[in-house]
């Protein structure tokens, strides 16, 4: 699976915007790290694309982690 982040405020076609980040690594886990300047004032969409599926279905889980830059606040 590949993972992409697109910047678009279109709800009908999120891929009409600009690609912001991606991870097409062939390892099992994907990770995209974006900073405040990358995400400020943007509508972002997470897109998962299969390039190889080993069976009839694949489960995808996503998790977001926010770090404020202050070591006491996460």
Protein backbone atom coordinates (compact mmCIF):
# COMPACT_ATOMS: atom_id res chain seq x y z
CA UNK A 1 0.00 0.00 0.00
CA UNK A 2 1.12 3.52 -0.65
CA UNK A 3 0.10 6.52 1.41
CA UNK A 4 -0.22 10.09 0.13
CA UNK A 5 -1.31 13.41 1.61
CA UNK A 6 -3.00 15.81 -0.80
CA UNK A 7 -3.84 19.46 -0.22
CA UNK A 8 -7.28 20.29 -1.61
CA UNK A 9 -10.43 21.89 -0.23
CA UNK A 10 -12.55 20.09 -2.83
CA UNK A 11 -14.79 17.49 -1.20
CA UNK A 12 -15.85 16.09 -4.58
CA UNK A 13 -12.30 15.52 -5.89
CA UNK A 14 -9.54 15.74 -3.26
CA UNK A 15 -6.92 14.73 -5.83
CA UNK A 16 -7.55 17.94 -7.77
CA UNK A 17 -5.11 19.68 -5.41
CA UNK A 18 -1.38 19.36 -4.93
CA UNK A 19 0.48 16.38 -3.45
CA UNK A 20 1.98 17.37 -0.09
CA UNK A 21 3.79 14.21 1.07
CA UNK A 22 3.90 10.49 0.38
CA UNK A 23 5.33 7.16 1.51
CA UNK A 24 5.53 4.46 -1.14
CA UNK A 25 8.08 2.42 0.80
CA UNK A 26 7.56 -1.31 0.29
CA UNK A 27 7.91 -2.12 4.00
CA UNK A 28 4.77 -2.87 5.99
CA UNK A 29 4.49 0.39 7.94
CA UNK A 30 4.12 3.78 6.39
CA UNK A 31 4.97 7.10 7.99
CA UNK A 32 4.49 10.64 6.87
CA UNK A 33 5.87 13.42 9.01
CA UNK A 34 4.66 16.95 8.36
CA UNK A 35 5.46 20.14 10.25
CA UNK A 36 3.40 23.23 11.09
CA UNK A 37 4.40 25.05 7.90
CA UNK A 38 3.31 21.98 5.87
CA UNK A 39 -0.19 21.83 7.35
CA UNK A 40 -1.09 25.40 8.34
CA UNK A 41 -4.25 26.71 6.67
CA UNK A 42 -4.60 23.71 4.35
CA UNK A 43 -7.34 21.19 3.70
CA UNK A 44 -5.53 17.85 3.76
CA UNK A 45 -6.65 14.43 2.56
CA UNK A 46 -5.03 11.10 3.34
CA UNK A 47 -5.13 8.78 0.32
CA UNK A 48 -4.21 5.09 0.54
CA UNK A 49 -3.42 3.38 -2.77
CA UNK A 50 -2.85 -0.32 -3.28
CA UNK A 51 0.01 -1.26 -5.57
CA UNK A 52 -0.03 -4.90 -4.49
CA UNK A 53 -2.60 -6.71 -2.37
CA UNK A 54 -1.59 -10.14 -1.11
CA UNK A 55 -5.14 -11.47 -0.84
CA UNK A 56 -8.78 -10.59 -1.21
CA UNK A 57 -8.64 -7.73 1.28
CA UNK A 58 -6.23 -5.60 3.26
CA UNK A 59 -7.00 -3.76 6.48
CA UNK A 60 -5.76 -0.19 6.77
CA UNK A 61 -5.45 1.66 10.07
CA UNK A 62 -4.35 5.24 10.45
CA UNK A 63 -3.27 7.20 13.49
CA UNK A 64 -2.41 10.84 13.94
CA UNK A 65 0.05 12.19 16.47
CA UNK A 66 0.40 15.88 17.22
CA UNK A 67 3.40 17.36 19.01
CA UNK A 68 3.08 21.03 19.89
CA UNK A 69 6.84 21.61 20.10
CA UNK A 70 6.52 22.08 23.85
CA UNK A 71 7.99 19.01 25.56
CA UNK A 72 5.32 19.20 28.28
CA UNK A 73 2.36 19.21 25.85
CA UNK A 74 1.46 16.47 23.32
